[in-house]
C-alpha atoms as a PDB file:
ATOM      1  CA  MET A   1       0.000   0.000   0.000  1.00  0.00           C
ATOM      2  CA  ARG A   2       1.329   3.424  -0.969  1.00  0.00           C
ATOM      3  CA  LEU A   3      -0.092   6.580   0.581  1.00  0.00           C
ATOM      4  CA  GLY A   4       1.431   9.514  -1.231  1.00  0.00           C
ATOM      5  CA  ARG A   5       5.146   9.498  -0.486  1.00  0.00           C
ATOM      6  CA  HIS A   6       4.866   6.668   2.080  1.00  0.00           C
ATOM      7  CA  SER A   7       4.756   2.888   1.533  1.00  0.00           C
ATOM      8  CA  PHE A   8       3.701   0.152   3.954  1.00  0.00           C
ATOM      9  CA  ALA A   9       4.022  -3.610   4.228  1.00  0.00           C
ATOM     10  CA  ASP A  10       1.034  -5.775   3.332  1.00  0.00           C
ATOM     11  CA  ASP A  11       0.414  -6.776   6.949  1.00  0.00           C
ATOM     12  CA  ALA A  12       0.788  -3.307   8.512  1.00  0.00           C
ATOM     13  CA  MET A  13      -2.170  -2.052  10.543  1.00  0.00           C
ATOM     14  CA  LEU A  14      -2.186   1.737  10.550  1.00  0.00           C
ATOM     15  CA  VAL A  15      -3.728   4.183  12.998  1.00  0.00           C
ATOM     16  CA  MET A  16      -5.296   7.275  11.426  1.00  0.00           C
ATOM     17  CA  ALA A  17      -5.868   9.982  14.039  1.00  0.00           C
ATOM     18  CA  ILE A  18      -8.809  12.336  13.574  1.00  0.00           C
ATOM     19  CA  VAL A  19      -8.020  16.052  13.743  1.00  0.00           C
ATOM     20  CA  ASN A  20     -11.123  18.227  13.443  1.00  0.00           C
ATOM     21  CA  ARG A  21     -10.791  21.873  12.428  1.00  0.00           C
ATOM     22  CA  THR A  22     -14.488  22.349  13.043  1.00  0.00           C
ATOM     23  CA  PRO A  23     -16.285  24.237  15.823  1.00  0.00           C
ATOM     24  CA  ASP A  24     -19.085  21.669  16.068  1.00  0.00           C
ATOM     25  CA  SER A  25     -17.576  18.185  16.020  1.00  0.00           C
ATOM     26  CA  PHE A  26     -19.846  15.564  17.599  1.00  0.00           C
ATOM     27  CA  TYR A  27     -16.894  14.217  19.596  1.00  0.00           C
ATOM     28  CA  ASP A  28     -14.637  17.059  20.712  1.00  0.00           C
ATOM     29  CA  LYS A  29     -17.103  19.963  20.420  1.00  0.00           C
ATOM     30  CA  GLY A  30     -14.547  22.213  18.727  1.00  0.00           C
ATOM     31  CA  ALA A  31     -11.556  21.547  20.988  1.00  0.00           C
ATOM     32  CA  THR A  32      -9.172  21.616  17.997  1.00  0.00           C
ATOM     33  CA  PHE A  33     -10.932  24.236  15.878  1.00  0.00           C
ATOM     34  CA  ALA A  34      -8.156  26.783  16.455  1.00  0.00           C
ATOM     35  CA  GLU A  35      -5.190  25.956  14.229  1.00  0.00           C
ATOM     36  CA  ASP A  36      -2.663  25.985  17.072  1.00  0.00           C
ATOM     37  CA  LYS A  37      -4.876  23.593  19.074  1.00  0.00           C
ATOM     38  CA  ALA A  38      -5.145  21.334  16.022  1.00  0.00           C
ATOM     39  CA  MET A  39      -1.360  21.354  15.711  1.00  0.00           C
ATOM     40  CA  GLU A  40      -1.033  20.419  19.386  1.00  0.00           C
ATOM     41  CA  ARG A  41      -3.364  17.502  18.714  1.00  0.00           C
ATOM     42  CA  VAL A  42      -1.175  16.404  15.794  1.00  0.00           C
ATOM     43  CA  ASP A  43       1.950  16.508  17.943  1.00  0.00           C
ATOM     44  CA  LEU A  44       0.203  14.445  20.635  1.00  0.00           C
ATOM     45  CA  VAL A  45      -1.108  11.712  18.352  1.00  0.00           C
ATOM     46  CA  VAL A  46       2.274  11.354  16.675  1.00  0.00           C
ATOM     47  CA  GLU A  47       3.764  10.763  20.132  1.00  0.00           C
ATOM     48  CA  GLN A  48       1.014   8.211  20.822  1.00  0.00           C
ATOM     49  CA  GLY A  49       1.836   6.207  17.696  1.00  0.00           C
ATOM     50  CA  ALA A  50      -0.379   7.520  14.899  1.00  0.00           C
ATOM     51  CA  ASP A  51       0.771   6.673  11.385  1.00  0.00           C
ATOM     52  CA  ILE A  52      -1.673   9.034   9.663  1.00  0.00           C
ATOM     53  CA  VAL A  53      -3.528  12.191  10.611  1.00  0.00           C
ATOM     54  CA  ASP A  54      -6.877  12.871   8.959  1.00  0.00           C
ATOM     55  CA  ILE A  55      -7.661  16.579   8.938  1.00  0.00           C
ATOM     56  CA  GLY A  56     -11.260  17.631   8.438  1.00  0.00           C
ATOM     57  CA  GLY A  57     -12.735  21.083   7.984  1.00  0.00           C
ATOM     58  CA  VAL A  58     -16.441  20.257   7.716  1.00  0.00           C
ATOM     59  CA  LYS A  59     -18.572  18.367  10.205  1.00  0.00           C
ATOM     60  CA  ALA A  60     -20.027  15.221   8.616  1.00  0.00           C
ATOM     61  CA  ALA A  61     -23.460  15.676  10.161  1.00  0.00           C
ATOM     62  CA  PRO A  62     -25.896  18.436   9.205  1.00  0.00           C
ATOM     63  CA  GLY A  63     -24.918  21.840  10.521  1.00  0.00           C
ATOM     64  CA  GLY A  64     -23.809  25.309   9.540  1.00  0.00           C
ATOM     65  CA  ASP A  65     -22.863  25.885   5.910  1.00  0.00           C
ATOM     66  CA  VAL A  66     -19.145  25.744   5.114  1.00  0.00           C
ATOM     67  CA  ASP A  67     -18.318  26.882   1.584  1.00  0.00           C
ATOM     68  CA  VAL A  68     -15.274  25.843  -0.420  1.00  0.00           C
ATOM     69  CA  ALA A  69     -13.213  28.889   0.515  1.00  0.00           C
ATOM     70  CA  GLU A  70     -13.870  28.416   4.223  1.00  0.00           C
ATOM     71  CA  GLU A  71     -13.032  24.717   4.083  1.00  0.00           C
ATOM     72  CA  ILE A  72      -9.748  25.448   2.319  1.00  0.00           C
ATOM     73  CA  ASP A  73      -8.934  28.130   4.889  1.00  0.00           C
ATOM     74  CA  ARG A  74      -9.493  25.633   7.695  1.00  0.00           C
ATOM     75  CA  VAL A  75      -7.387  22.782   6.341  1.00  0.00           C
ATOM     76  CA  ALA A  76      -4.751  23.830   3.780  1.00  0.00           C
ATOM     77  CA  GLY A  77      -2.578  25.867   6.125  1.00  0.00           C
ATOM     78  CA  LEU A  78      -2.633  23.116   8.743  1.00  0.00           C
ATOM     79  CA  VAL A  79      -1.624  20.544   6.141  1.00  0.00           C
ATOM     80  CA  ALA A  80       1.427  22.631   5.271  1.00  0.00           C
ATOM     81  CA  ARG A  81       2.381  22.987   8.953  1.00  0.00           C
ATOM     82  CA  VAL A  82       2.027  19.259   9.610  1.00  0.00           C
ATOM     83  CA  ARG A  83       3.952  18.346   6.489  1.00  0.00           C
ATOM     84  CA  GLU A  84       6.877  20.523   7.615  1.00  0.00           C
ATOM     85  CA  ALA A  85       6.821  19.481  11.277  1.00  0.00           C
ATOM     86  CA  HIS A  86       6.320  15.727  10.735  1.00  0.00           C
ATOM     87  CA  PRO A  87       7.763  14.640   7.373  1.00  0.00           C
ATOM     88  CA  GLN A  88       7.432  10.959   8.334  1.00  0.00           C
ATOM     89  CA  LEU A  89       3.688  11.271   8.908  1.00  0.00           C
ATOM     90  CA  VAL A  90       0.995  10.497   6.335  1.00  0.00           C
ATOM     91  CA  VAL A  91      -1.247  13.541   5.970  1.00  0.00           C
ATOM     92  CA  SER A  92      -4.845  12.876   4.940  1.00  0.00           C
ATOM     93  CA  VAL A  93      -7.666  15.338   4.384  1.00  0.00           C
ATOM     94  CA  ASP A  94     -11.315  14.431   4.869  1.00  0.00           C
ATOM     95  CA  THR A  95     -13.119  16.183   1.998  1.00  0.00           C
ATOM     96  CA  TRP A  96     -15.500  15.386  -0.828  1.00  0.00           C
ATOM     97  CA  ARG A  97     -14.760  18.537  -2.861  1.00  0.00           C
ATOM     98  CA  ALA A  98     -12.324  18.570  -5.770  1.00  0.00           C
ATOM     99  CA  GLU A  99     -11.425  22.239  -5.216  1.00  0.00           C
ATOM    100  CA  VAL A 100     -10.419  21.488  -1.645  1.00  0.00           C
ATOM    101  CA  GLY A 101      -8.530  18.410  -2.793  1.00  0.00           C
ATOM    102  CA  GLU A 102      -6.491  20.540  -5.201  1.00  0.00           C
ATOM    103  CA  ALA A 103      -5.593  23.024  -2.472  1.00  0.00           C
ATOM    104  CA  VAL A 104      -4.543  20.458   0.126  1.00  0.00           C
ATOM    105  CA  CYS A 105      -2.538  18.389  -2.344  1.00  0.00           C
ATOM    106  CA  ALA A 106      -0.635  21.542  -3.270  1.00  0.00           C
ATOM    107  CA  ALA A 107      -0.012  22.044   0.459  1.00  0.00           C
ATOM    108  CA  GLY A 108       1.432  18.530   0.875  1.00  0.00           C
ATOM    109  CA  ALA A 109      -1.404  16.077   1.552  1.00  0.00           C
ATOM    110  CA  ASP A 110      -0.764  12.382   0.854  1.00  0.00           C
ATOM    111  CA  VAL A 111      -4.358  11.117   0.964  1.00  0.00           C
ATOM    112  CA  LEU A 112      -7.798  12.382  -0.016  1.00  0.00           C
ATOM    113  CA  ASN A 113     -10.344  10.749   2.274  1.00  0.00           C
ATOM    114  CA  ASP A 114     -13.659  10.986   0.438  1.00  0.00           C
ATOM    115  CA  ALA A 115     -16.186  10.089   3.116  1.00  0.00           C
ATOM    116  CA  TRP A 116     -19.114  10.795   0.780  1.00  0.00           C
ATOM    117  CA  GLY A 117     -18.589   8.128  -1.854  1.00  0.00           C
ATOM    118  CA  GLY A 118     -17.677  10.151  -4.926  1.00  0.00           C
ATOM    119  CA  ALA A 119     -20.250  12.939  -4.566  1.00  0.00           C
ATOM    120  CA  ASP A 120     -17.809  15.117  -6.520  1.00  0.00           C
ATOM    121  CA  PRO A 121     -16.571  12.925  -9.409  1.00  0.00           C
ATOM    122  CA  GLY A 122     -13.642  15.265 -10.006  1.00  0.00           C
ATOM    123  CA  LEU A 123     -11.895  14.248  -6.781  1.00  0.00           C
ATOM    124  CA  VAL A 124     -10.342  11.171  -8.402  1.00  0.00           C
ATOM    125  CA  ASP A 125      -8.803  13.370 -11.095  1.00  0.00           C
ATOM    126  CA  ILE A 126      -7.152  15.519  -8.437  1.00  0.00           C
ATOM    127  CA  ALA A 127      -5.753  12.425  -6.707  1.00  0.00           C
ATOM    128  CA  ALA A 128      -4.382  11.154 -10.013  1.00  0.00           C
ATOM    129  CA  ALA A 129      -2.838  14.489 -10.982  1.00  0.00           C
ATOM    130  CA  HIS A 130      -0.976  14.757  -7.666  1.00  0.00           C
ATOM    131  CA  ASP A 131      -0.167  11.031  -7.323  1.00  0.00           C
ATOM    132  CA  VAL A 132      -1.817  10.801  -3.924  1.00  0.00           C
ATOM    133  CA  ALA A 133      -3.960   8.060  -2.422  1.00  0.00           C
ATOM    134  CA  ILE A 134      -7.748   8.134  -2.299  1.00  0.00           C
ATOM    135  CA  ILE A 135     -10.147   6.451   0.107  1.00  0.00           C
ATOM    136  CA  CYS A 136     -13.257   5.167  -1.652  1.00  0.00           C
ATOM    137  CA  THR A 137     -16.278   4.908   0.619  1.00  0.00           C
ATOM    138  CA  HIS A 138     -19.778   3.508   0.332  1.00  0.00           C
ATOM    139  CA  THR A 139     -22.631   5.866   1.174  1.00  0.00           C
ATOM    140  CA  GLY A 140     -25.341   4.536  -1.123  1.00  0.00           C
ATOM    141  CA  GLY A 141     -25.409   7.799  -3.053  1.00  0.00           C
ATOM    142  CA  VAL A 142     -26.674   9.940  -0.188  1.00  0.00           C
ATOM    143  CA  GLU A 143     -26.104  13.679  -0.280  1.00  0.00           C
ATOM    144  CA  PRO A 144     -23.150  14.948   1.792  1.00  0.00           C
ATOM    145  CA  ARG A 145     -23.952  16.045   5.326  1.00  0.00           C
ATOM    146  CA  THR A 146     -27.300  14.303   5.540  1.00  0.00           C
ATOM    147  CA  ARG A 147     -28.434  11.641   7.977  1.00  0.00           C
ATOM    148  CA  PRO A 148     -29.899   8.338   6.798  1.00  0.00           C
ATOM    149  CA  PHE A 149     -33.656   8.002   7.135  1.00  0.00           C
ATOM    150  CA  ARG A 150     -35.365   4.643   6.689  1.00  0.00           C
ATOM    151  CA  THR A 151     -32.437   3.524   4.552  1.00  0.00           C
ATOM    152  CA  GLY A 152     -33.025   0.273   2.719  1.00  0.00           C
ATOM    153  CA  PHE A 153     -31.064  -2.065   0.471  1.00  0.00           C
ATOM    154  CA  GLU A 154     -32.473  -4.384  -2.153  1.00  0.00           C
ATOM    155  CA  GLY A 155     -31.041  -7.712  -1.117  1.00  0.00           C
ATOM    156  CA  ASP A 156     -27.693  -8.123   0.618  1.00  0.00           C
ATOM    157  CA  VAL A 157     -26.266  -4.960   2.184  1.00  0.00           C
ATOM    158  CA  VAL A 158     -22.715  -6.355   2.108  1.00  0.00           C
ATOM    159  CA  ALA A 159     -22.968  -7.150  -1.592  1.00  0.00           C
ATOM    160  CA  ASP A 160     -24.233  -3.608  -2.194  1.00  0.00           C
ATOM    161  CA  VAL A 161     -21.347  -2.118  -0.220  1.00  0.00           C
ATOM    162  CA  ILE A 162     -18.751  -4.204  -2.045  1.00  0.00           C
ATOM    163  CA  GLU A 163     -20.212  -3.395  -5.438  1.00  0.00           C
ATOM    164  CA  GLY A 164     -20.228   0.304  -4.602  1.00  0.00           C
ATOM    165  CA  VAL A 165     -16.684   0.588  -3.295  1.00  0.00           C
ATOM    166  CA  LEU A 166     -15.201  -1.585  -6.029  1.00  0.00           C
ATOM    167  CA  GLY A 167     -16.925   0.526  -8.652  1.00  0.00           C
ATOM    168  CA  TYR A 168     -15.463   3.660  -7.078  1.00  0.00           C
ATOM    169  CA  ALA A 169     -12.018   2.062  -6.776  1.00  0.00           C
ATOM    170  CA  GLU A 170     -11.975   1.067 -10.433  1.00  0.00           C
ATOM    171  CA  ARG A 171     -13.080   4.576 -11.456  1.00  0.00           C
ATOM    172  CA  ALA A 172     -10.161   5.966  -9.474  1.00  0.00           C
ATOM    173  CA  VAL A 173      -7.710   3.640 -11.211  1.00  0.00           C
ATOM    174  CA  ALA A 174      -9.218   4.478 -14.604  1.00  0.00           C
ATOM    175  CA  ALA A 175      -8.680   8.159 -13.807  1.00  0.00           C
ATOM    176  CA  GLY A 176      -4.986   7.485 -13.196  1.00  0.00           C
ATOM    177  CA  VAL A 177      -4.710   6.838  -9.466  1.00  0.00           C
ATOM    178  CA  ALA A 178      -2.108   4.134  -8.790  1.00  0.00           C
ATOM    179  CA  ARG A 179      -3.791   0.856  -7.867  1.00  0.00           C
ATOM    180  CA  GLU A 180      -1.634   0.540  -4.746  1.00  0.00           C
ATOM    181  CA  SER A 181      -2.892   3.965  -3.649  1.00  0.00           C
ATOM    182  CA  VAL A 182      -6.593   3.085  -3.494  1.00  0.00           C
ATOM    183  CA  VAL A 183      -8.196   2.156  -0.166  1.00  0.00           C
ATOM    184  CA  ILE A 184     -11.812   1.065   0.318  1.00  0.00           C
ATOM    185  CA  ASP A 185     -14.065   1.922   3.273  1.00  0.00           C
ATOM    186  CA  PRO A 186     -17.542   0.507   4.034  1.00  0.00           C
ATOM    187  CA  ALA A 187     -18.338   3.843   5.746  1.00  0.00           C
ATOM    188  CA  HIS A 188     -19.889   2.705   9.009  1.00  0.00           C
ATOM    189  CA  ASP A 189     -23.153   4.592   9.709  1.00  0.00           C
ATOM    190  CA  PHE A 190     -22.984   6.584   6.449  1.00  0.00           C
ATOM    191  CA  GLY A 191     -26.187   5.848   4.536  1.00  0.00           C
ATOM    192  CA  LYS A 192     -26.824   2.914   6.875  1.00  0.00           C
ATOM    193  CA  ASN A 193     -28.763   2.126  10.002  1.00  0.00           C
ATOM    194  CA  THR A 194     -27.227   0.211  12.905  1.00  0.00           C
ATOM    195  CA  HIS A 195     -28.393  -3.195  11.621  1.00  0.00           C
ATOM    196  CA  HIS A 196     -26.676  -2.524   8.280  1.00  0.00           C
ATOM    197  CA  THR A 197     -23.455  -1.385   9.921  1.00  0.00           C
ATOM    198  CA  LEU A 198     -23.291  -4.399  12.222  1.00  0.00           C
ATOM    199  CA  GLU A 199     -23.823  -6.776   9.289  1.00  0.00           C
ATOM    200  CA  VAL A 200     -21.070  -5.101   7.299  1.00  0.00           C
ATOM    201  CA  THR A 201     -18.748  -5.318  10.309  1.00  0.00           C
ATOM    202  CA  ARG A 202     -19.283  -9.002  11.052  1.00  0.00           C
ATOM    203  CA  ARG A 203     -18.676  -9.788   7.363  1.00  0.00           C
ATOM    204  CA  LEU A 204     -15.754  -7.423   6.888  1.00  0.00           C
ATOM    205  CA  ASP A 205     -13.586 -10.301   5.691  1.00  0.00           C
ATOM    206  CA  GLU A 206     -15.621 -10.314   2.476  1.00  0.00           C
ATOM    207  CA  MET A 207     -14.377  -6.802   1.752  1.00  0.00           C
ATOM    208  CA  VAL A 208     -10.830  -7.781   2.699  1.00  0.00           C
ATOM    209  CA  ASP A 209     -11.036 -10.731   0.289  1.00  0.00           C
ATOM    210  CA  THR A 210     -11.461  -8.318  -2.641  1.00  0.00           C
ATOM    211  CA  GLY A 211      -7.738  -7.596  -2.344  1.00  0.00           C
ATOM    212  CA  TRP A 212      -8.075  -3.847  -1.774  1.00  0.00           C
ATOM    213  CA  PRO A 213      -6.830  -2.518   1.598  1.00  0.00           C
ATOM    214  CA  VAL A 214      -9.775  -1.761   3.884  1.00  0.00           C
ATOM    215  CA  LEU A 215     -10.149   1.261   6.155  1.00  0.00           C
ATOM    216  CA  VAL A 216     -12.674   1.325   8.984  1.00  0.00           C
ATOM    217  CA  SER A 217     -13.939   4.436  10.723  1.00  0.00           C
ATOM    218  CA  LEU A 218     -15.533   3.088  13.897  1.00  0.00           C
ATOM    219  CA  SER A 219     -14.638   5.586  16.562  1.00  0.00           C
ATOM    220  CA  ASN A 220     -17.479   6.436  18.958  1.00  0.00           C
ATOM    221  CA  LYS A 221     -20.094   6.145  16.214  1.00  0.00           C
ATOM    222  CA  ASP A 222     -23.825   5.827  16.611  1.00  0.00           C
ATOM    223  CA  PHE A 223     -23.886   2.091  15.880  1.00  0.00           C
ATOM    224  CA  VAL A 224     -21.722   1.590  18.976  1.00  0.00           C
ATOM    225  CA  GLY A 225     -23.905   3.909  21.015  1.00  0.00           C
ATOM    226  CA  GLU A 226     -27.130   2.227  19.929  1.00  0.00           C
ATOM    227  CA  THR A 227     -25.742  -1.280  20.417  1.00  0.00           C
ATOM    228  CA  LEU A 228     -24.663  -0.591  24.001  1.00  0.00           C
ATOM    229  CA  ASP A 229     -27.034   2.284  24.796  1.00  0.00           C
ATOM    230  CA  ARG A 230     -24.169   4.652  25.556  1.00  0.00           C
ATOM    231  CA  PRO A 231     -23.677   8.384  24.876  1.00  0.00           C
ATOM    232  CA  VAL A 232     -20.747   9.622  22.823  1.00  0.00           C
ATOM    233  CA  ASP A 233     -18.388   9.970  25.775  1.00  0.00           C
ATOM    234  CA  GLN A 234     -18.963   6.342  26.864  1.00  0.00           C
ATOM    235  CA  ARG A 235     -18.359   4.483  23.607  1.00  0.00           C
ATOM    236  CA  LEU A 236     -14.643   3.734  23.845  1.00  0.00           C
ATOM    237  CA  ILE A 237     -14.990   0.120  25.043  1.00  0.00           C
ATOM    238  CA  GLY A 238     -17.468  -0.727  22.303  1.00  0.00           C
ATOM    239  CA  THR A 239     -15.249   0.989  19.750  1.00  0.00           C
ATOM    240  CA  LEU A 240     -12.193  -1.000  20.847  1.00  0.00           C
ATOM    241  CA  ALA A 241     -14.120  -4.285  20.792  1.00  0.00           C
ATOM    242  CA  THR A 242     -15.188  -3.566  17.221  1.00  0.00           C
ATOM    243  CA  THR A 243     -11.621  -2.567  16.385  1.00  0.00           C
ATOM    244  CA  ALA A 244     -10.302  -5.924  17.595  1.00  0.00           C
ATOM    245  CA  VAL A 245     -12.846  -7.840  15.513  1.00  0.00           C
ATOM    246  CA  SER A 246     -12.095  -5.714  12.442  1.00  0.00           C
ATOM    247  CA  ALA A 247      -8.374  -6.273  12.900  1.00  0.00           C
ATOM    248  CA  TRP A 248      -8.847 -10.035  13.172  1.00  0.00           C
ATOM    249  CA  LEU A 249     -10.890  -9.944   9.959  1.00  0.00           C
ATOM    250  CA  GLY A 250      -8.116  -8.100   8.142  1.00  0.00           C
ATOM    251  CA  ALA A 251      -8.821  -4.350   8.018  1.00  0.00           C
ATOM    252  CA  ARG A 252      -5.684  -2.301   7.453  1.00  0.00           C
ATOM    253  CA  VAL A 253      -6.405   1.305   8.493  1.00  0.00           C
ATOM    254  CA  TYR A 254      -8.291   2.541  11.600  1.00  0.00           C
ATOM    255  CA  ARG A 255      -9.634   6.087  11.738  1.00  0.00           C
ATOM    256  CA  VAL A 256      -9.900   6.948  15.436  1.00  0.00           C
ATOM    257  CA  HIS A 257     -10.099   9.547  18.160  1.00  0.00           C
ATOM    258  CA  GLU A 258      -8.261   7.496  20.840  1.00  0.00           C
ATOM    259  CA  VAL A 259      -4.870   6.676  19.351  1.00  0.00           C
ATOM    260  CA  ALA A 260      -2.946   5.085  22.243  1.00  0.00           C
ATOM    261  CA  GLU A 261      -5.759   2.668  23.113  1.00  0.00           C
ATOM    262  CA  THR A 262      -6.263   1.694  19.469  1.00  0.00           C
ATOM    263  CA  ARG A 263      -2.550   1.099  18.973  1.00  0.00           C
ATOM    264  CA  GLN A 264      -2.515  -1.355  21.891  1.00  0.00           C
ATOM    265  CA  VAL A 265      -5.523  -3.242  20.525  1.00  0.00           C
ATOM    266  CA  LEU A 266      -3.974  -3.528  17.074  1.00  0.00           C
ATOM    267  CA  ASP A 267      -0.622  -4.659  18.482  1.00  0.00           C
ATOM    268  CA  MET A 268      -2.343  -7.308  20.589  1.00  0.00           C
ATOM    269  CA  VAL A 269      -4.338  -8.630  17.635  1.00  0.00           C
ATOM    270  CA  ALA A 270      -1.255  -8.645  15.420  1.00  0.00           C
ATOM    271  CA  THR A 271       0.590 -10.694  18.041  1.00  0.00           C
ATOM    272  CA  LEU A 272      -2.315 -13.131  18.421  1.00  0.00           C
ATOM    273  CA  ARG A 273      -2.327 -13.559  14.642  1.00  0.00           C
ATOM    274  CA  GLY A 274       1.399 -14.357  14.731  1.00  0.00           C
ATOM    275  CA  GLU A 275       2.378 -11.221  12.807  1.00  0.00           C
ATOM    276  CA  ARG A 276       4.139  -9.399  15.668  1.00  0.00           C
ATOM    277  CA  PRO A 277       6.321 -10.779  18.477  1.00  0.00           C
ATOM    278  CA  PRO A 278       5.533  -9.885  22.091  1.00  0.00           C
ATOM    279  CA  ALA A 279       7.387  -6.805  23.316  1.00  0.00           C
ATOM    280  CA  ARG A 280       9.034  -8.980  25.998  1.00  0.00           C
ATOM    281  CA  THR A 281       8.715 -12.586  27.157  1.00  0.00           C
ATOM    282  CA  ILE A 282      10.098 -13.421  30.607  1.00  0.00           C
ATOM    283  CA  ARG A 283       7.223 -15.345  32.188  1.00  0.00           C
ATOM    284  CA  GLY A 284       8.366 -18.914  32.832  1.00  0.00           C
ATOM    285  CA  LEU A 285      11.756 -18.148  31.273  1.00  0.00           C
ATOM    286  CA  ALA A 286      13.542 -16.119  33.925  1.00  0.00           C
END
């Protein structure tokens, strides 16, 4: 897998830390809206073991209007600062707009994370022109920044998700994006109710079996809250349980708020799978 200027082994499990430059994030309520606060967050997650930072300038849920110019103002300058301060770090930007993609790629982004499933078809052309990676999600064609309402699928939801993301992935490659720079994402909760998201999660290995690297964005989402009947600030345990299952089933990239905890879960799963040695082994030997 190649993410911009960075390459990774086939069995690497990568932590993507969320950095919100929004005043109304459902999770941090604007704690990193100020650019200096966002940069402090970047420094912290790098120390905690993040491989990627995913910078977003627009809240995913419905809310105040953010036009293209405002989104660029929120994210492009931060991308440039992160690129200079942490050259070893993969810099991703969460956007569905081609104009924003152009600006952040010029500033040094390695990945365009399109959480809205190709709503702007020009985004793949920007990724190709700058030789950056793109994350292809499944949203069932819903409009950006809308919530699902009585969402339904004709037949098998997993088959629908796979068909959608593979179609997007092949369009990206046809546009000129390197095949090794395309990542697929089932987009938990996006265009789906909790039953759909749980089904996709338990059958995540079917997405992995397509051969494309799979990203999961699980962190503190509504499907966790509804499953366990927990508010946003009490969803970490459910998130980590889902992370462990997803890791066992073969997902490669984990978009998260809690980096240190996620890194431990992924390391433990990798060791259980025989892909990583224990950090130390003295029990019964010394």
